[in-house]
Amino acid sequence: MQRHIVQRWLALPLLCAGLAALAACARSAATEPAPPADSTVVLAVGQSVALTPTATLRLDRVNDSRCKVGAVCVWAGYISYSFTVSEGGAATAFTLSDSMPGGAPSSSVQGRTFTLVGVEPAAPPALRAPEPDYRVSVKVSAN
């Protein structure tokens, strides 16, 4: 009985230390370190990058309506990228696209200019292929 109680008392601090380590890893994995001024960042959907100690850029969504390889389409479609810049409690959403009607490949938000550089994969996926793991490159410049 006494051994069982000692094991529980030893397991509790180890469990707490393990949970703290996992939480630290999750925080560091969710937001990449701040890039230098006027740099290009590459983001996957759901990933964030620190722009400053108080500002982050997050890729929220990729909307790919381009005609898939092997499909017969009446229009070519387009691809657009939805982002959110958060700083000091204020969040501003914006969209970049070089092919969307009314869209723009560059946007100035919260004192910075974000310019679309490219996406991987560049070509639309095949007709029955799963959604690609998009990587969007964006140049971040201070205004």
C-alpha atoms as a PDB file:
ATOM      1  CA  MET A   1       0.000   0.000   0.000  1.00  0.00           C
ATOM      2  CA  GLN A   2       2.769   2.429   0.952  1.00  0.00           C
ATOM      3  CA  ARG A   3       4.650   1.667  -2.286  1.00  0.00           C
ATOM      4  CA  HIS A   4       1.511   2.432  -4.306  1.00  0.00           C
ATOM      5  CA  ILE A   5       1.177   5.880  -2.659  1.00  0.00           C
ATOM      6  CA  VAL A   6       4.867   6.684  -3.306  1.00  0.00           C
ATOM      7  CA  GLN A   7       4.480   5.716  -6.967  1.00  0.00           C
ATOM      8  CA  ARG A   8       1.521   8.079  -7.321  1.00  0.00           C
ATOM      9  CA  TRP A   9       3.439  10.940  -5.700  1.00  0.00           C
ATOM     10  CA  LEU A  10       6.341  10.368  -8.072  1.00  0.00           C
ATOM     11  CA  ALA A  11       4.147  10.055 -11.132  1.00  0.00           C
ATOM     12  CA  LEU A  12       2.313  13.352 -10.582  1.00  0.00           C
ATOM     13  CA  PRO A  13       5.365  15.675 -10.903  1.00  0.00           C
ATOM     14  CA  LEU A  14       6.611  13.681 -13.906  1.00  0.00           C
ATOM     15  CA  LEU A  15       3.212  13.984 -15.564  1.00  0.00           C
ATOM     16  CA  CYS A  16       3.107  17.748 -14.919  1.00  0.00           C
ATOM     17  CA  ALA A  17       6.636  18.193 -16.314  1.00  0.00           C
ATOM     18  CA  GLY A  18       5.702  16.209 -19.428  1.00  0.00           C
ATOM     19  CA  LEU A  19       2.553  18.268 -20.006  1.00  0.00           C
ATOM     20  CA  ALA A  20       4.507  21.503 -19.585  1.00  0.00           C
ATOM     21  CA  ALA A  21       7.067  20.313 -22.142  1.00  0.00           C
ATOM     22  CA  LEU A  22       4.309  19.408 -24.619  1.00  0.00           C
ATOM     23  CA  ALA A  23       2.663  22.810 -24.168  1.00  0.00           C
ATOM     24  CA  ALA A  24       5.973  24.555 -24.845  1.00  0.00           C
ATOM     25  CA  CYS A  25       6.476  22.502 -28.010  1.00  0.00           C
ATOM     26  CA  ALA A  26       2.960  23.306 -29.213  1.00  0.00           C
ATOM     27  CA  ARG A  27       3.500  27.052 -28.704  1.00  0.00           C
ATOM     28  CA  SER A  28       6.805  27.015 -30.570  1.00  0.00           C
ATOM     29  CA  ALA A  29       5.443  24.874 -33.421  1.00  0.00           C
ATOM     30  CA  ALA A  30       2.353  27.046 -33.930  1.00  0.00           C
ATOM     31  CA  THR A  31       4.266  30.272 -34.557  1.00  0.00           C
ATOM     32  CA  GLU A  32       7.560  30.449 -36.372  1.00  0.00           C
ATOM     33  CA  PRO A  33      10.245  32.956 -35.313  1.00  0.00           C
ATOM     34  CA  ALA A  34       9.975  36.515 -36.618  1.00  0.00           C
ATOM     35  CA  PRO A  35      11.431  37.004 -40.099  1.00  0.00           C
ATOM     36  CA  PRO A  36      13.756  39.891 -40.846  1.00  0.00           C
ATOM     37  CA  ALA A  37      12.234  43.017 -42.413  1.00  0.00           C
ATOM     38  CA  ASP A  38      11.540  42.719 -46.150  1.00  0.00           C
ATOM     39  CA  SER A  39      11.703  38.930 -46.231  1.00  0.00           C
ATOM     40  CA  THR A  40       9.771  36.073 -47.784  1.00  0.00           C
ATOM     41  CA  VAL A  41       7.915  33.621 -45.571  1.00  0.00           C
ATOM     42  CA  VAL A  42       6.425  30.258 -46.523  1.00  0.00           C
ATOM     43  CA  LEU A  43       3.263  29.137 -44.767  1.00  0.00           C
ATOM     44  CA  ALA A  44       1.072  26.041 -44.796  1.00  0.00           C
ATOM     45  CA  VAL A  45      -2.658  26.296 -44.091  1.00  0.00           C
ATOM     46  CA  GLY A  46      -3.156  26.988 -40.384  1.00  0.00           C
ATOM     47  CA  GLN A  47       0.453  28.008 -39.827  1.00  0.00           C
ATOM     48  CA  SER A  48       1.510  31.369 -38.369  1.00  0.00           C
ATOM     49  CA  VAL A  49       4.722  33.359 -38.421  1.00  0.00           C
ATOM     50  CA  ALA A  50       5.704  36.097 -35.973  1.00  0.00           C
ATOM     51  CA  LEU A  51       6.292  39.414 -37.734  1.00  0.00           C
ATOM     52  CA  THR A  52       7.296  41.166 -34.506  1.00  0.00           C
ATOM     53  CA  PRO A  53       7.024  40.113 -30.860  1.00  0.00           C
ATOM     54  CA  THR A  54       3.383  41.321 -30.919  1.00  0.00           C
ATOM     55  CA  ALA A  55       2.318  40.706 -34.553  1.00  0.00           C
ATOM     56  CA  THR A  56       1.619  37.481 -36.443  1.00  0.00           C
ATOM     57  CA  LEU A  57       0.645  36.489 -39.966  1.00  0.00           C
ATOM     58  CA  ARG A  58      -1.506  33.379 -40.389  1.00  0.00           C
ATOM     59  CA  LEU A  59      -2.524  31.524 -43.563  1.00  0.00           C
ATOM     60  CA  ASP A  60      -6.155  30.685 -42.851  1.00  0.00           C
ATOM     61  CA  ARG A  61      -7.286  29.092 -46.088  1.00  0.00           C
ATOM     62  CA  VAL A  62      -6.456  28.285 -49.688  1.00  0.00           C
ATOM     63  CA  ASN A  63      -9.406  28.482 -52.088  1.00  0.00           C
ATOM     64  CA  ASP A  64      -8.461  26.530 -55.210  1.00  0.00           C
ATOM     65  CA  SER A  65     -11.260  26.501 -57.789  1.00  0.00           C
ATOM     66  CA  ARG A  66      -8.903  25.957 -60.741  1.00  0.00           C
ATOM     67  CA  CYS A  67      -9.887  23.335 -63.285  1.00  0.00           C
ATOM     68  CA  LYS A  68      -8.395  20.060 -62.105  1.00  0.00           C
ATOM     69  CA  VAL A  69      -6.113  18.064 -64.379  1.00  0.00           C
ATOM     70  CA  GLY A  70      -8.243  15.564 -66.310  1.00  0.00           C
ATOM     71  CA  ALA A  71     -11.496  17.515 -65.829  1.00  0.00           C
ATOM     72  CA  VAL A  72     -13.552  19.275 -68.487  1.00  0.00           C
ATOM     73  CA  CYS A  73     -14.316  22.810 -67.276  1.00  0.00           C
ATOM     74  CA  VAL A  74     -16.198  25.797 -68.659  1.00  0.00           C
ATOM     75  CA  TRP A  75     -13.802  28.227 -66.964  1.00  0.00           C
ATOM     76  CA  ALA A  76     -10.217  28.073 -65.734  1.00  0.00           C
ATOM     77  CA  GLY A  77     -11.052  28.985 -62.134  1.00  0.00           C
ATOM     78  CA  TYR A  78      -8.640  30.698 -59.759  1.00  0.00           C
ATOM     79  CA  ILE A  79      -6.684  30.238 -56.581  1.00  0.00           C
ATOM     80  CA  SER A  80      -6.744  32.660 -53.661  1.00  0.00           C
ATOM     81  CA  TYR A  81      -5.152  32.767 -50.223  1.00  0.00           C
ATOM     82  CA  SER A  82      -6.849  34.087 -47.070  1.00  0.00           C
ATOM     83  CA  PHE A  83      -4.618  35.527 -44.337  1.00  0.00           C
ATOM     84  CA  THR A  84      -5.032  37.213 -40.960  1.00  0.00           C
ATOM     85  CA  VAL A  85      -2.605  39.718 -39.463  1.00  0.00           C
ATOM     86  CA  SER A  86      -2.954  40.068 -35.693  1.00  0.00           C
ATOM     87  CA  GLU A  87      -1.264  42.788 -33.689  1.00  0.00           C
ATOM     88  CA  GLY A  88      -2.036  44.293 -30.314  1.00  0.00           C
ATOM     89  CA  GLY A  89      -5.456  42.659 -30.093  1.00  0.00           C
ATOM     90  CA  ALA A  90      -6.510  43.817 -33.583  1.00  0.00           C
ATOM     91  CA  ALA A  91      -6.948  41.252 -36.341  1.00  0.00           C
ATOM     92  CA  THR A  92      -7.252  42.135 -40.013  1.00  0.00           C
ATOM     93  CA  ALA A  93      -8.178  39.585 -42.673  1.00  0.00           C
ATOM     94  CA  PHE A  94      -7.113  39.952 -46.304  1.00  0.00           C
ATOM     95  CA  THR A  95      -6.921  37.869 -49.463  1.00  0.00           C
ATOM     96  CA  LEU A  96      -4.165  37.610 -52.066  1.00  0.00           C
ATOM     97  CA  SER A  97      -4.581  36.224 -55.587  1.00  0.00           C
ATOM     98  CA  ASP A  98      -2.964  36.781 -58.946  1.00  0.00           C
ATOM     99  CA  SER A  99      -5.851  35.158 -60.841  1.00  0.00           C
ATOM    100  CA  MET A 100      -9.081  35.868 -58.917  1.00  0.00           C
ATOM    101  CA  PRO A 101     -11.414  38.435 -60.514  1.00  0.00           C
ATOM    102  CA  GLY A 102     -11.079  41.629 -58.486  1.00  0.00           C
ATOM    103  CA  GLY A 103      -8.227  40.125 -56.486  1.00  0.00           C
ATOM    104  CA  ALA A 104      -4.728  41.495 -56.092  1.00  0.00           C
ATOM    105  CA  PRO A 105      -1.368  39.816 -55.563  1.00  0.00           C
ATOM    106  CA  SER A 106      -0.383  42.473 -53.012  1.00  0.00           C
ATOM    107  CA  SER A 107      -2.075  44.128 -50.027  1.00  0.00           C
ATOM    108  CA  SER A 108      -1.036  46.702 -47.423  1.00  0.00           C
ATOM    109  CA  VAL A 109      -2.256  45.817 -43.945  1.00  0.00           C
ATOM    110  CA  GLN A 110      -1.297  47.220 -40.534  1.00  0.00           C
ATOM    111  CA  GLY A 111       1.793  49.039 -41.799  1.00  0.00           C
ATOM    112  CA  ARG A 112       3.147  46.179 -43.911  1.00  0.00           C
ATOM    113  CA  THR A 113       2.836  45.142 -47.544  1.00  0.00           C
ATOM    114  CA  PHE A 114       2.209  41.465 -48.273  1.00  0.00           C
ATOM    115  CA  THR A 115       2.988  40.301 -51.808  1.00  0.00           C
ATOM    116  CA  LEU A 116       2.215  36.870 -53.218  1.00  0.00           C
ATOM    117  CA  VAL A 117       5.390  35.180 -54.474  1.00  0.00           C
ATOM    118  CA  GLY A 118       4.131  31.681 -55.286  1.00  0.00           C
ATOM    119  CA  VAL A 119       2.487  28.455 -54.200  1.00  0.00           C
ATOM    120  CA  GLU A 120       3.511  24.819 -54.127  1.00  0.00           C
ATOM    121  CA  PRO A 121       2.229  22.883 -55.907  1.00  0.00           C
ATOM    122  CA  ALA A 122       1.847  25.439 -58.678  1.00  0.00           C
ATOM    123  CA  ALA A 123      -0.336  23.265 -60.914  1.00  0.00           C
ATOM    124  CA  PRO A 124      -3.903  22.268 -60.025  1.00  0.00           C
ATOM    125  CA  PRO A 125      -4.291  18.745 -58.624  1.00  0.00           C
ATOM    126  CA  ALA A 126      -5.610  15.828 -60.660  1.00  0.00           C
ATOM    127  CA  LEU A 127      -9.355  15.237 -60.842  1.00  0.00           C
ATOM    128  CA  ARG A 128      -9.647  12.660 -58.052  1.00  0.00           C
ATOM    129  CA  ALA A 129      -6.496  13.531 -56.115  1.00  0.00           C
ATOM    130  CA  PRO A 130      -6.701  14.591 -52.475  1.00  0.00           C
ATOM    131  CA  GLU A 131      -6.279  18.280 -51.706  1.00  0.00           C
ATOM    132  CA  PRO A 132      -2.584  19.179 -51.884  1.00  0.00           C
ATOM    133  CA  ASP A 133      -0.562  20.317 -48.886  1.00  0.00           C
ATOM    134  CA  TYR A 134      -0.226  23.910 -50.082  1.00  0.00           C
ATOM    135  CA  ARG A 135       2.815  26.039 -49.220  1.00  0.00           C
ATOM    136  CA  VAL A 136       2.296  29.733 -49.936  1.00  0.00           C
ATOM    137  CA  SER A 137       5.247  32.122 -50.273  1.00  0.00           C
ATOM    138  CA  VAL A 138       4.612  35.752 -49.301  1.00  0.00           C
ATOM    139  CA  LYS A 139       7.025  38.677 -49.287  1.00  0.00           C
ATOM    140  CA  VAL A 140       6.579  40.850 -46.199  1.00  0.00           C
ATOM    141  CA  SER A 141       7.766  44.461 -46.461  1.00  0.00           C
ATOM    142  CA  ALA A 142       7.524  47.323 -43.997  1.00  0.00           C
ATOM    143  CA  ASN A 143       5.652  50.385 -45.303  1.00  0.00           C
END
